[in-house]
Amino acid sequence: MTAGQRGDAPVFPAVLAAVPDGCPVEEVVGDKAYDSDDIRELLLDEDLSPCIPSKKNRTEPIYHDPERYKERNHVERFFARLKQFRRVATRYDKLKETFLAIVQIVAVFQLIR
């Protein structure tokens, strides 16, 4: 979990390393914020296929599958539903463990709804 004003891309290697061994990952779909040569190289080293659109300032755009990228909206919509709960959207909890517990409770509530 990063601070609100901090980007997520710098901690991407730690997030990727935290994926459990029993969770098979074949492809990583990310937005343009994750378009860096370091992240793409890390994914290719792990035998993962990156589906990340290129930023506008990249001199040579790298191809991504637009149909696979469209599937990312399911995740975005799920987070939007989580943020309908004021406690999640404004993060009243000071401890990240408490905040994570609230997010998990709300996520379960949304999934059974």
PDB file of N, CA and C in Angstrom:
ATOM      1  N   MET A   1       0.854  -1.162   0.000  1.00  0.00           N
ATOM      2  CA  MET A   1       0.000   0.000   0.000  1.00  0.00           C
ATOM      3  C   MET A   1       0.905   1.231   0.000  1.00  0.00           C
ATOM      4  N   THR A   2       0.640   2.121  -0.918  1.00  0.00           N
ATOM      5  CA  THR A   2       1.466   3.324  -1.029  1.00  0.00           C
ATOM      6  C   THR A   2       0.679   4.534  -0.550  1.00  0.00           C
ATOM      7  N   ALA A   3       1.403   5.600  -0.281  1.00  0.00           N
ATOM      8  CA  ALA A   3       0.759   6.846   0.108  1.00  0.00           C
ATOM      9  C   ALA A   3      -0.059   7.369  -1.064  1.00  0.00           C
ATOM     10  N   GLY A   4      -1.068   8.174  -0.764  1.00  0.00           N
ATOM     11  CA  GLY A   4      -1.973   8.658  -1.799  1.00  0.00           C
ATOM     12  C   GLY A   4      -1.299   9.471  -2.881  1.00  0.00           C
ATOM     13  N   GLN A   5      -0.259  10.222  -2.529  1.00  0.00           N
ATOM     14  CA  GLN A   5       0.412  11.075  -3.507  1.00  0.00           C
ATOM     15  C   GLN A   5       1.544  10.343  -4.228  1.00  0.00           C
ATOM     16  N   ARG A   6       1.781   9.104  -3.891  1.00  0.00           N
ATOM     17  CA  ARG A   6       2.882   8.340  -4.484  1.00  0.00           C
ATOM     18  C   ARG A   6       2.347   7.403  -5.565  1.00  0.00           C
ATOM     19  N   GLY A   7       3.098   7.255  -6.627  1.00  0.00           N
ATOM     20  CA  GLY A   7       2.684   6.372  -7.705  1.00  0.00           C
ATOM     21  C   GLY A   7       2.851   4.906  -7.340  1.00  0.00           C
ATOM     22  N   ASP A   8       2.132   4.045  -8.046  1.00  0.00           N
ATOM     23  CA  ASP A   8       2.205   2.610  -7.783  1.00  0.00           C
ATOM     24  C   ASP A   8       3.315   1.919  -8.566  1.00  0.00           C
ATOM     25  N   ALA A   9       3.727   2.488  -9.679  1.00  0.00           N
ATOM     26  CA  ALA A   9       4.719   1.833 -10.536  1.00  0.00           C
ATOM     27  C   ALA A   9       6.052   1.587  -9.832  1.00  0.00           C
ATOM     28  N   PRO A  10       6.558   2.482  -8.978  1.00  0.00           N
ATOM     29  CA  PRO A  10       7.841   2.200  -8.324  1.00  0.00           C
ATOM     30  C   PRO A  10       7.828   0.977  -7.410  1.00  0.00           C
ATOM     31  N   VAL A  11       6.663   0.589  -6.890  1.00  0.00           N
ATOM     32  CA  VAL A  11       6.600  -0.583  -6.012  1.00  0.00           C
ATOM     33  C   VAL A  11       6.128  -1.835  -6.761  1.00  0.00           C
ATOM     34  N   PHE A  12       6.026  -1.753  -8.067  1.00  0.00           N
ATOM     35  CA  PHE A  12       5.560  -2.892  -8.858  1.00  0.00           C
ATOM     36  C   PHE A  12       6.411  -4.147  -8.651  1.00  0.00           C
ATOM     37  N   PRO A  13       7.746  -4.059  -8.610  1.00  0.00           N
ATOM     38  CA  PRO A  13       8.531  -5.283  -8.379  1.00  0.00           C
ATOM     39  C   PRO A  13       8.175  -5.985  -7.070  1.00  0.00           C
ATOM     40  N   ALA A  14       7.913  -5.224  -6.021  1.00  0.00           N
ATOM     41  CA  ALA A  14       7.535  -5.826  -4.738  1.00  0.00           C
ATOM     42  C   ALA A  14       6.166  -6.496  -4.829  1.00  0.00           C
ATOM     43  N   VAL A  15       5.244  -5.888  -5.551  1.00  0.00           N
ATOM     44  CA  VAL A  15       3.908  -6.471  -5.725  1.00  0.00           C
ATOM     45  C   VAL A  15       4.007  -7.767  -6.520  1.00  0.00           C
ATOM     46  N   LEU A  16       4.803  -7.758  -7.565  1.00  0.00           N
ATOM     47  CA  LEU A  16       4.971  -8.964  -8.380  1.00  0.00           C
ATOM     48  C   LEU A  16       5.630 -10.079  -7.564  1.00  0.00           C
ATOM     49  N   ALA A  17       6.590  -9.728  -6.733  1.00  0.00           N
ATOM     50  CA  ALA A  17       7.258 -10.729  -5.900  1.00  0.00           C
ATOM     51  C   ALA A  17       6.320 -11.302  -4.840  1.00  0.00           C
ATOM     52  N   ALA A  18       5.280 -10.559  -4.464  1.00  0.00           N
ATOM     53  CA  ALA A  18       4.356 -11.014  -3.427  1.00  0.00           C
ATOM     54  C   ALA A  18       3.259 -11.936  -3.953  1.00  0.00           C
ATOM     55  N   VAL A  19       3.213 -12.159  -5.254  1.00  0.00           N
ATOM     56  CA  VAL A  19       2.198 -13.065  -5.816  1.00  0.00           C
ATOM     57  C   VAL A  19       2.512 -14.484  -5.337  1.00  0.00           C
ATOM     58  N   PRO A  20       1.536 -15.160  -4.721  1.00  0.00           N
ATOM     59  CA  PRO A  20       1.796 -16.511  -4.212  1.00  0.00           C
ATOM     60  C   PRO A  20       2.161 -17.489  -5.325  1.00  0.00           C
ATOM     61  N   ASP A  21       2.939 -18.499  -4.959  1.00  0.00           N
ATOM     62  CA  ASP A  21       3.377 -19.503  -5.934  1.00  0.00           C
ATOM     63  C   ASP A  21       2.202 -20.277  -6.524  1.00  0.00           C
ATOM     64  N   GLY A  22       1.151 -20.467  -5.763  1.00  0.00           N
ATOM     65  CA  GLY A  22      -0.005 -21.228  -6.227  1.00  0.00           C
ATOM     66  C   GLY A  22      -0.922 -20.442  -7.154  1.00  0.00           C
ATOM     67  N   CYS A  23      -0.592 -19.187  -7.424  1.00  0.00           N
ATOM     68  CA  CYS A  23      -1.417 -18.336  -8.277  1.00  0.00           C
ATOM     69  C   CYS A  23      -0.745 -18.206  -9.646  1.00  0.00           C
ATOM     70  N   PRO A  24      -1.213 -18.958 -10.622  1.00  0.00           N
ATOM     71  CA  PRO A  24      -0.551 -18.905 -11.926  1.00  0.00           C
ATOM     72  C   PRO A  24      -0.818 -17.577 -12.648  1.00  0.00           C
ATOM     73  N   VAL A  25       0.235 -16.918 -13.051  1.00  0.00           N
ATOM     74  CA  VAL A  25       0.135 -15.658 -13.771  1.00  0.00           C
ATOM     75  C   VAL A  25       0.805 -15.845 -15.126  1.00  0.00           C
ATOM     76  N   GLU A  26       0.098 -15.485 -16.187  1.00  0.00           N
ATOM     77  CA  GLU A  26       0.655 -15.596 -17.528  1.00  0.00           C
ATOM     78  C   GLU A  26       0.831 -14.243 -18.189  1.00  0.00           C
ATOM     79  N   GLU A  27      -0.018 -13.297 -17.774  1.00  0.00           N
ATOM     80  CA  GLU A  27      -0.019 -11.996 -18.427  1.00  0.00           C
ATOM     81  C   GLU A  27      -0.283 -10.919 -17.383  1.00  0.00           C
ATOM     82  N   VAL A  28       0.332  -9.763 -17.574  1.00  0.00           N
ATOM     83  CA  VAL A  28       0.101  -8.628 -16.693  1.00  0.00           C
ATOM     84  C   VAL A  28      -0.496  -7.502 -17.533  1.00  0.00           C
ATOM     85  N   VAL A  29      -1.676  -7.052 -17.130  1.00  0.00           N
ATOM     86  CA  VAL A  29      -2.356  -5.968 -17.820  1.00  0.00           C
ATOM     87  C   VAL A  29      -2.260  -4.733 -16.927  1.00  0.00           C
ATOM     88  N   GLY A  30      -1.647  -3.696 -17.444  1.00  0.00           N
ATOM     89  CA  GLY A  30      -1.481  -2.474 -16.672  1.00  0.00           C
ATOM     90  C   GLY A  30      -1.767  -1.255 -17.521  1.00  0.00           C
ATOM     91  N   ASP A  31      -2.005  -0.140 -16.858  1.00  0.00           N
ATOM     92  CA  ASP A  31      -2.263   1.076 -17.618  1.00  0.00           C
ATOM     93  C   ASP A  31      -0.947   1.741 -18.020  1.00  0.00           C
ATOM     94  N   LYS A  32      -1.038   2.905 -18.631  1.00  0.00           N
ATOM     95  CA  LYS A  32       0.141   3.575 -19.167  1.00  0.00           C
ATOM     96  C   LYS A  32       1.153   3.966 -18.098  1.00  0.00           C
ATOM     97  N   ALA A  33       0.719   4.061 -16.847  1.00  0.00           N
ATOM     98  CA  ALA A  33       1.644   4.397 -15.766  1.00  0.00           C
ATOM     99  C   ALA A  33       2.721   3.326 -15.600  1.00  0.00           C
ATOM    100  N   TYR A  34       2.435   2.118 -16.025  1.00  0.00           N
ATOM    101  CA  TYR A  34       3.388   1.013 -15.894  1.00  0.00           C
ATOM    102  C   TYR A  34       4.237   0.821 -17.143  1.00  0.00           C
ATOM    103  N   ASP A  35       4.159   1.746 -18.074  1.00  0.00           N
ATOM    104  CA  ASP A  35       4.943   1.648 -19.308  1.00  0.00           C
ATOM    105  C   ASP A  35       6.359   2.152 -19.064  1.00  0.00           C
ATOM    106  N   SER A  36       7.197   1.253 -18.571  1.00  0.00           N
ATOM    107  CA  SER A  36       8.613   1.578 -18.428  1.00  0.00           C
ATOM    108  C   SER A  36       9.415   0.371 -18.903  1.00  0.00           C
ATOM    109  N   ASP A  37      10.594   0.640 -19.391  1.00  0.00           N
ATOM    110  CA  ASP A  37      11.436  -0.450 -19.871  1.00  0.00           C
ATOM    111  C   ASP A  37      11.806  -1.402 -18.732  1.00  0.00           C
ATOM    112  N   ASP A  38      11.991  -0.862 -17.518  1.00  0.00           N
ATOM    113  CA  ASP A  38      12.346  -1.710 -16.379  1.00  0.00           C
ATOM    114  C   ASP A  38      11.228  -2.701 -16.049  1.00  0.00           C
ATOM    115  N   ILE A  39       9.997  -2.213 -16.032  1.00  0.00           N
ATOM    116  CA  ILE A  39       8.870  -3.100 -15.714  1.00  0.00           C
ATOM    117  C   ILE A  39       8.679  -4.131 -16.816  1.00  0.00           C
ATOM    118  N   ARG A  40       8.776  -3.705 -18.063  1.00  0.00           N
ATOM    119  CA  ARG A  40       8.626  -4.666 -19.170  1.00  0.00           C
ATOM    120  C   ARG A  40       9.736  -5.724 -19.125  1.00  0.00           C
ATOM    121  N   GLU A  41      10.949  -5.304 -18.827  1.00  0.00           N
ATOM    122  CA  GLU A  41      12.066  -6.249 -18.739  1.00  0.00           C
ATOM    123  C   GLU A  41      11.862  -7.226 -17.590  1.00  0.00           C
ATOM    124  N   LEU A  42      11.390  -6.736 -16.452  1.00  0.00           N
ATOM    125  CA  LEU A  42      11.113  -7.600 -15.308  1.00  0.00           C
ATOM    126  C   LEU A  42      10.057  -8.649 -15.660  1.00  0.00           C
ATOM    127  N   LEU A  43       9.010  -8.229 -16.350  1.00  0.00           N
ATOM    128  CA  LEU A  43       7.955  -9.166 -16.742  1.00  0.00           C
ATOM    129  C   LEU A  43       8.465 -10.216 -17.715  1.00  0.00           C
ATOM    130  N   LEU A  44       9.248  -9.792 -18.679  1.00  0.00           N
ATOM    131  CA  LEU A  44       9.786 -10.748 -19.652  1.00  0.00           C
ATOM    132  C   LEU A  44      10.764 -11.711 -18.992  1.00  0.00           C
ATOM    133  N   ASP A  45      11.535 -11.242 -18.007  1.00  0.00           N
ATOM    134  CA  ASP A  45      12.443 -12.121 -17.269  1.00  0.00           C
ATOM    135  C   ASP A  45      11.682 -13.188 -16.492  1.00  0.00           C
ATOM    136  N   GLU A  46      10.464 -12.847 -16.058  1.00  0.00           N
ATOM    137  CA  GLU A  46       9.615 -13.793 -15.316  1.00  0.00           C
ATOM    138  C   GLU A  46       8.730 -14.615 -16.248  1.00  0.00           C
ATOM    139  N   ASP A  47       8.946 -14.518 -17.555  1.00  0.00           N
ATOM    140  CA  ASP A  47       8.144 -15.209 -18.574  1.00  0.00           C
ATOM    141  C   ASP A  47       6.669 -14.811 -18.515  1.00  0.00           C
ATOM    142  N   LEU A  48       6.428 -13.529 -18.277  1.00  0.00           N
ATOM    143  CA  LEU A  48       5.076 -12.988 -18.262  1.00  0.00           C
ATOM    144  C   LEU A  48       4.900 -12.067 -19.452  1.00  0.00           C
ATOM    145  N   SER A  49       3.720 -12.109 -20.021  1.00  0.00           N
ATOM    146  CA  SER A  49       3.434 -11.290 -21.186  1.00  0.00           C
ATOM    147  C   SER A  49       2.863  -9.945 -20.731  1.00  0.00           C
ATOM    148  N   PRO A  50       3.541  -8.823 -21.041  1.00  0.00           N
ATOM    149  CA  PRO A  50       2.991  -7.523 -20.654  1.00  0.00           C
ATOM    150  C   PRO A  50       1.950  -7.034 -21.657  1.00  0.00           C
ATOM    151  N   CYS A  51       0.816  -6.594 -21.144  1.00  0.00           N
ATOM    152  CA  CYS A  51      -0.221  -5.973 -21.962  1.00  0.00           C
ATOM    153  C   CYS A  51      -0.389  -4.555 -21.419  1.00  0.00           C
ATOM    154  N   ILE A  52       0.529  -3.695 -21.826  1.00  0.00           N
ATOM    155  CA  ILE A  52       0.590  -2.329 -21.317  1.00  0.00           C
ATOM    156  C   ILE A  52       0.666  -1.389 -22.511  1.00  0.00           C
ATOM    157  N   PRO A  53      -0.287  -0.471 -22.640  1.00  0.00           N
ATOM    158  CA  PRO A  53      -0.201   0.477 -23.759  1.00  0.00           C
ATOM    159  C   PRO A  53       0.969   1.441 -23.557  1.00  0.00           C
ATOM    160  N   SER A  54       1.514   1.905 -24.654  1.00  0.00           N
ATOM    161  CA  SER A  54       2.647   2.823 -24.596  1.00  0.00           C
ATOM    162  C   SER A  54       2.205   4.231 -24.261  1.00  0.00           C
ATOM    163  N   LYS A  55       3.066   4.940 -23.552  1.00  0.00           N
ATOM    164  CA  LYS A  55       2.803   6.355 -23.280  1.00  0.00           C
ATOM    165  C   LYS A  55       2.971   7.133 -24.577  1.00  0.00           C
ATOM    166  N   LYS A  56       2.403   8.320 -24.605  1.00  0.00           N
ATOM    167  CA  LYS A  56       2.495   9.153 -25.803  1.00  0.00           C
ATOM    168  C   LYS A  56       3.924   9.589 -26.092  1.00  0.00           C
ATOM    169  N   ASN A  57       4.742   9.728 -25.048  1.00  0.00           N
ATOM    170  CA  ASN A  57       6.096  10.223 -25.260  1.00  0.00           C
ATOM    171  C   ASN A  57       7.099   9.129 -25.638  1.00  0.00           C
ATOM    172  N   ARG A  58       6.650   7.879 -25.776  1.00  0.00           N
ATOM    173  CA  ARG A  58       7.560   6.801 -26.206  1.00  0.00           C
ATOM    174  C   ARG A  58       7.833   6.969 -27.689  1.00  0.00           C
ATOM    175  N   THR A  59       9.109   6.984 -28.073  1.00  0.00           N
ATOM    176  CA  THR A  59       9.473   7.243 -29.468  1.00  0.00           C
ATOM    177  C   THR A  59       9.009   6.115 -30.393  1.00  0.00           C
ATOM    178  N   GLU A  60       9.149   4.878 -29.929  1.00  0.00           N
ATOM    179  CA  GLU A  60       8.680   3.733 -30.707  1.00  0.00           C
ATOM    180  C   GLU A  60       7.629   2.988 -29.890  1.00  0.00           C
ATOM    181  N   PRO A  61       6.334   3.186 -30.205  1.00  0.00           N
ATOM    182  CA  PRO A  61       5.284   2.517 -29.427  1.00  0.00           C
ATOM    183  C   PRO A  61       5.431   0.997 -29.471  1.00  0.00           C
ATOM    184  N   ILE A  62       5.126   0.367 -28.352  1.00  0.00           N
ATOM    185  CA  ILE A  62       5.180  -1.085 -28.229  1.00  0.00           C
ATOM    186  C   ILE A  62       3.757  -1.613 -28.328  1.00  0.00           C
ATOM    187  N   TYR A  63       3.570  -2.636 -29.117  1.00  0.00           N
ATOM    188  CA  TYR A  63       2.233  -3.186 -29.359  1.00  0.00           C
ATOM    189  C   TYR A  63       1.682  -3.831 -28.083  1.00  0.00           C
ATOM    190  N   HIS A  64       0.393  -3.669 -27.874  1.00  0.00           N
ATOM    191  CA  HIS A  64      -0.350  -4.399 -26.851  1.00  0.00           C
ATOM    192  C   HIS A  64      -1.663  -4.847 -27.485  1.00  0.00           C
ATOM    193  N   ASP A  65      -2.225  -5.895 -26.962  1.00  0.00           N
ATOM    194  CA  ASP A  65      -3.478  -6.429 -27.493  1.00  0.00           C
ATOM    195  C   ASP A  65      -4.648  -5.603 -26.953  1.00  0.00           C
ATOM    196  N   PRO A  66      -5.291  -4.782 -27.790  1.00  0.00           N
ATOM    197  CA  PRO A  66      -6.367  -3.925 -27.288  1.00  0.00           C
ATOM    198  C   PRO A  66      -7.578  -4.703 -26.757  1.00  0.00           C
ATOM    199  N   GLU A  67      -7.832  -5.887 -27.297  1.00  0.00           N
ATOM    200  CA  GLU A  67      -8.953  -6.686 -26.817  1.00  0.00           C
ATOM    201  C   GLU A  67      -8.694  -7.205 -25.411  1.00  0.00           C
ATOM    202  N   ARG A  68      -7.470  -7.640 -25.146  1.00  0.00           N
ATOM    203  CA  ARG A  68      -7.114  -8.090 -23.786  1.00  0.00           C
ATOM    204  C   ARG A  68      -7.122  -6.914 -22.822  1.00  0.00           C
ATOM    205  N   TYR A  69      -6.698  -5.762 -23.283  1.00  0.00           N
ATOM    206  CA  TYR A  69      -6.644  -4.577 -22.428  1.00  0.00           C
ATOM    207  C   TYR A  69      -8.051  -4.137 -22.011  1.00  0.00           C
ATOM    208  N   LYS A  70      -9.041  -4.375 -22.854  1.00  0.00           N
ATOM    209  CA  LYS A  70     -10.417  -4.001 -22.527  1.00  0.00           C
ATOM    210  C   LYS A  70     -10.934  -4.758 -21.299  1.00  0.00           C
ATOM    211  N   GLU A  71     -10.391  -5.952 -21.056  1.00  0.00           N
ATOM    212  CA  GLU A  71     -10.827  -6.752 -19.910  1.00  0.00           C
ATOM    213  C   GLU A  71     -10.456  -6.080 -18.582  1.00  0.00           C
ATOM    214  N   ARG A  72      -9.531  -5.146 -18.623  1.00  0.00           N
ATOM    215  CA  ARG A  72      -9.074  -4.457 -17.421  1.00  0.00           C
ATOM    216  C   ARG A  72     -10.202  -3.657 -16.773  1.00  0.00           C
ATOM    217  N   ASN A  73     -11.213  -3.308 -17.545  1.00  0.00           N
ATOM    218  CA  ASN A  73     -12.298  -2.499 -17.000  1.00  0.00           C
ATOM    219  C   ASN A  73     -13.071  -3.223 -15.905  1.00  0.00           C
ATOM    220  N   HIS A  74     -13.052  -4.551 -15.890  1.00  0.00           N
ATOM    221  CA  HIS A  74     -13.722  -5.293 -14.823  1.00  0.00           C
ATOM    222  C   HIS A  74     -13.098  -4.969 -13.468  1.00  0.00           C
ATOM    223  N   VAL A  75     -11.795  -4.899 -13.443  1.00  0.00           N
ATOM    224  CA  VAL A  75     -11.078  -4.572 -12.210  1.00  0.00           C
ATOM    225  C   VAL A  75     -11.356  -3.124 -11.815  1.00  0.00           C
ATOM    226  N   GLU A  76     -11.320  -2.224 -12.793  1.00  0.00           N
ATOM    227  CA  GLU A  76     -11.582  -0.817 -12.510  1.00  0.00           C
ATOM    228  C   GLU A  76     -12.991  -0.614 -11.958  1.00  0.00           C
ATOM    229  N   ARG A  77     -13.964  -1.308 -12.524  1.00  0.00           N
ATOM    230  CA  ARG A  77     -15.338  -1.184 -12.040  1.00  0.00           C
ATOM    231  C   ARG A  77     -15.487  -1.754 -10.634  1.00  0.00           C
ATOM    232  N   PHE A  78     -14.755  -2.833 -10.336  1.00  0.00           N
ATOM    233  CA  PHE A  78     -14.805  -3.407  -8.989  1.00  0.00           C
ATOM    234  C   PHE A  78     -14.271  -2.411  -7.961  1.00  0.00           C
ATOM    235  N   PHE A  79     -13.149  -1.752  -8.275  1.00  0.00           N
ATOM    236  CA  PHE A  79     -12.615  -0.751  -7.351  1.00  0.00           C
ATOM    237  C   PHE A  79     -13.554   0.437  -7.223  1.00  0.00           C
ATOM    238  N   ALA A  80     -14.240   0.793  -8.276  1.00  0.00           N
ATOM    239  CA  ALA A  80     -15.222   1.876  -8.196  1.00  0.00           C
ATOM    240  C   ALA A  80     -16.361   1.497  -7.254  1.00  0.00           C
ATOM    241  N   ARG A  81     -16.784   0.223  -7.293  1.00  0.00           N
ATOM    242  CA  ARG A  81     -17.824  -0.224  -6.367  1.00  0.00           C
ATOM    243  C   ARG A  81     -17.327  -0.216  -4.926  1.00  0.00           C
ATOM    244  N   LEU A  82     -16.053  -0.551  -4.712  1.00  0.00           N
ATOM    245  CA  LEU A  82     -15.490  -0.491  -3.359  1.00  0.00           C
ATOM    246  C   LEU A  82     -15.502   0.944  -2.833  1.00  0.00           C
ATOM    247  N   LYS A  83     -15.225   1.885  -3.719  1.00  0.00           N
ATOM    248  CA  LYS A  83     -15.137   3.281  -3.299  1.00  0.00           C
ATOM    249  C   LYS A  83     -16.505   3.913  -3.052  1.00  0.00           C
ATOM    250  N   GLN A  84     -17.573   3.181  -3.316  1.00  0.00           N
ATOM    251  CA  GLN A  84     -18.895   3.680  -2.961  1.00  0.00           C
ATOM    252  C   GLN A  84     -19.077   3.723  -1.448  1.00  0.00           C
ATOM    253  N   PHE A  85     -18.265   2.952  -0.748  1.00  0.00           N
ATOM    254  CA  PHE A  85     -18.293   2.959   0.705  1.00  0.00           C
ATOM    255  C   PHE A  85     -17.371   4.073   1.198  1.00  0.00           C
ATOM    256  N   ARG A  86     -17.950   4.996   1.910  1.00  0.00           N
ATOM    257  CA  ARG A  86     -17.224   6.201   2.323  1.00  0.00           C
ATOM    258  C   ARG A  86     -15.956   5.878   3.103  1.00  0.00           C
ATOM    259  N   ARG A  87     -16.024   4.874   3.927  1.00  0.00           N
ATOM    260  CA  ARG A  87     -14.856   4.525   4.745  1.00  0.00           C
ATOM    261  C   ARG A  87     -13.690   4.050   3.882  1.00  0.00           C
ATOM    262  N   VAL A  88     -13.976   3.404   2.786  1.00  0.00           N
ATOM    263  CA  VAL A  88     -12.919   2.965   1.873  1.00  0.00           C
ATOM    264  C   VAL A  88     -12.428   4.134   1.030  1.00  0.00           C
ATOM    265  N   ALA A  89     -13.343   4.940   0.529  1.00  0.00           N
ATOM    266  CA  ALA A  89     -12.979   6.039  -0.371  1.00  0.00           C
ATOM    267  C   ALA A  89     -12.118   7.090   0.323  1.00  0.00           C
ATOM    268  N   THR A  90     -12.400   7.350   1.588  1.00  0.00           N
ATOM    269  CA  THR A  90     -11.670   8.420   2.286  1.00  0.00           C
ATOM    270  C   THR A  90     -10.573   7.894   3.193  1.00  0.00           C
ATOM    271  N   ARG A  91     -10.512   6.605   3.383  1.00  0.00           N
ATOM    272  CA  ARG A  91      -9.515   5.944   4.214  1.00  0.00           C
ATOM    273  C   ARG A  91      -9.384   6.594   5.582  1.00  0.00           C
ATOM    274  N   TYR A  92     -10.419   6.399   6.371  1.00  0.00           N
ATOM    275  CA  TYR A  92     -10.418   6.918   7.743  1.00  0.00           C
ATOM    276  C   TYR A  92      -9.410   6.188   8.631  1.00  0.00           C
ATOM    277  N   ASP A  93      -9.151   4.937   8.338  1.00  0.00           N
ATOM    278  CA  ASP A  93      -8.287   4.127   9.189  1.00  0.00           C
ATOM    279  C   ASP A  93      -6.837   4.546   9.051  1.00  0.00           C
ATOM    280  N   LYS A  94      -6.157   4.673  10.180  1.00  0.00           N
ATOM    281  CA  LYS A  94      -4.751   5.082  10.156  1.00  0.00           C
ATOM    282  C   LYS A  94      -3.822   3.900   9.886  1.00  0.00           C
ATOM    283  N   LEU A  95      -4.185   2.745  10.393  1.00  0.00           N
ATOM    284  CA  LEU A  95      -3.338   1.569  10.207  1.00  0.00           C
ATOM    285  C   LEU A  95      -3.684   0.870   8.904  1.00  0.00           C
ATOM    286  N   LYS A  96      -2.656   0.481   8.157  1.00  0.00           N
ATOM    287  CA  LYS A  96      -2.931  -0.172   6.876  1.00  0.00           C
ATOM    288  C   LYS A  96      -3.581  -1.536   7.071  1.00  0.00           C
ATOM    289  N   GLU A  97      -3.304  -2.207   8.194  1.00  0.00           N
ATOM    290  CA  GLU A  97      -3.928  -3.502   8.462  1.00  0.00           C
ATOM    291  C   GLU A  97      -5.443  -3.349   8.646  1.00  0.00           C
ATOM    292  N   THR A  98      -5.843  -2.294   9.360  1.00  0.00           N
ATOM    293  CA  THR A  98      -7.260  -2.039   9.576  1.00  0.00           C
ATOM    294  C   THR A  98      -7.943  -1.669   8.262  1.00  0.00           C
ATOM    295  N   PHE A  99      -7.281  -0.839   7.472  1.00  0.00           N
ATOM    296  CA  PHE A  99      -7.837  -0.456   6.175  1.00  0.00           C
ATOM    297  C   PHE A  99      -7.990  -1.669   5.269  1.00  0.00           C
ATOM    298  N   LEU A 100      -6.979  -2.536   5.247  1.00  0.00           N
ATOM    299  CA  LEU A 100      -7.051  -3.743   4.437  1.00  0.00           C
ATOM    300  C   LEU A 100      -8.213  -4.632   4.884  1.00  0.00           C
ATOM    301  N   ALA A 101      -8.432  -4.731   6.188  1.00  0.00           N
ATOM    302  CA  ALA A 101      -9.543  -5.535   6.698  1.00  0.00           C
ATOM    303  C   ALA A 101     -10.884  -4.968   6.223  1.00  0.00           C
ATOM    304  N   ILE A 102     -11.039  -3.657   6.258  1.00  0.00           N
ATOM    305  CA  ILE A 102     -12.285  -3.029   5.795  1.00  0.00           C
ATOM    306  C   ILE A 102     -12.468  -3.273   4.298  1.00  0.00           C
ATOM    307  N   VAL A 103     -11.388  -3.137   3.526  1.00  0.00           N
ATOM    308  CA  VAL A 103     -11.471  -3.380   2.078  1.00  0.00           C
ATOM    309  C   VAL A 103     -11.878  -4.823   1.809  1.00  0.00           C
ATOM    310  N   GLN A 104     -11.337  -5.765   2.561  1.00  0.00           N
ATOM    311  CA  GLN A 104     -11.697  -7.164   2.371  1.00  0.00           C
ATOM    312  C   GLN A 104     -13.163  -7.428   2.727  1.00  0.00           C
ATOM    313  N   ILE A 105     -13.637  -6.810   3.801  1.00  0.00           N
ATOM    314  CA  ILE A 105     -15.046  -6.975   4.181  1.00  0.00           C
ATOM    315  C   ILE A 105     -15.954  -6.410   3.101  1.00  0.00           C
ATOM    316  N   VAL A 106     -15.631  -5.221   2.612  1.00  0.00           N
ATOM    317  CA  VAL A 106     -16.446  -4.599   1.568  1.00  0.00           C
ATOM    318  C   VAL A 106     -16.376  -5.414   0.274  1.00  0.00           C
ATOM    319  N   ALA A 107     -15.193  -5.955  -0.045  1.00  0.00           N
ATOM    320  CA  ALA A 107     -15.049  -6.762  -1.257  1.00  0.00           C
ATOM    321  C   ALA A 107     -15.923  -8.013  -1.188  1.00  0.00           C
ATOM    322  N   VAL A 108     -15.929  -8.677  -0.044  1.00  0.00           N
ATOM    323  CA  VAL A 108     -16.778  -9.859   0.117  1.00  0.00           C
ATOM    324  C   VAL A 108     -18.245  -9.455  -0.003  1.00  0.00           C
ATOM    325  N   PHE A 109     -18.591  -8.345   0.625  1.00  0.00           N
ATOM    326  CA  PHE A 109     -19.972  -7.855   0.536  1.00  0.00           C
ATOM    327  C   PHE A 109     -20.358  -7.608  -0.926  1.00  0.00           C
ATOM    328  N   GLN A 110     -19.470  -7.005  -1.706  1.00  0.00           N
ATOM    329  CA  GLN A 110     -19.759  -6.735  -3.112  1.00  0.00           C
ATOM    330  C   GLN A 110     -19.855  -8.009  -3.936  1.00  0.00           C
ATOM    331  N   LEU A 111     -19.022  -8.997  -3.611  1.00  0.00           N
ATOM    332  CA  LEU A 111     -19.033 -10.239  -4.388  1.00  0.00           C
ATOM    333  C   LEU A 111     -20.296 -11.072  -4.130  1.00  0.00           C
ATOM    334  N   ILE A 112     -20.831 -11.037  -2.908  1.00  0.00           N
ATOM    335  CA  ILE A 112     -22.031 -11.842  -2.631  1.00  0.00           C
ATOM    336  C   ILE A 112     -23.302 -11.081  -2.973  1.00  0.00           C
ATOM    337  N   ARG A 113     -23.195  -9.824  -3.259  1.00  0.00           N
ATOM    338  CA  ARG A 113     -24.347  -8.990  -3.592  1.00  0.00           C
ATOM    339  C   ARG A 113     -24.932  -9.296  -4.922  1.00  0.00           C
TER     340      ARG A 113
END
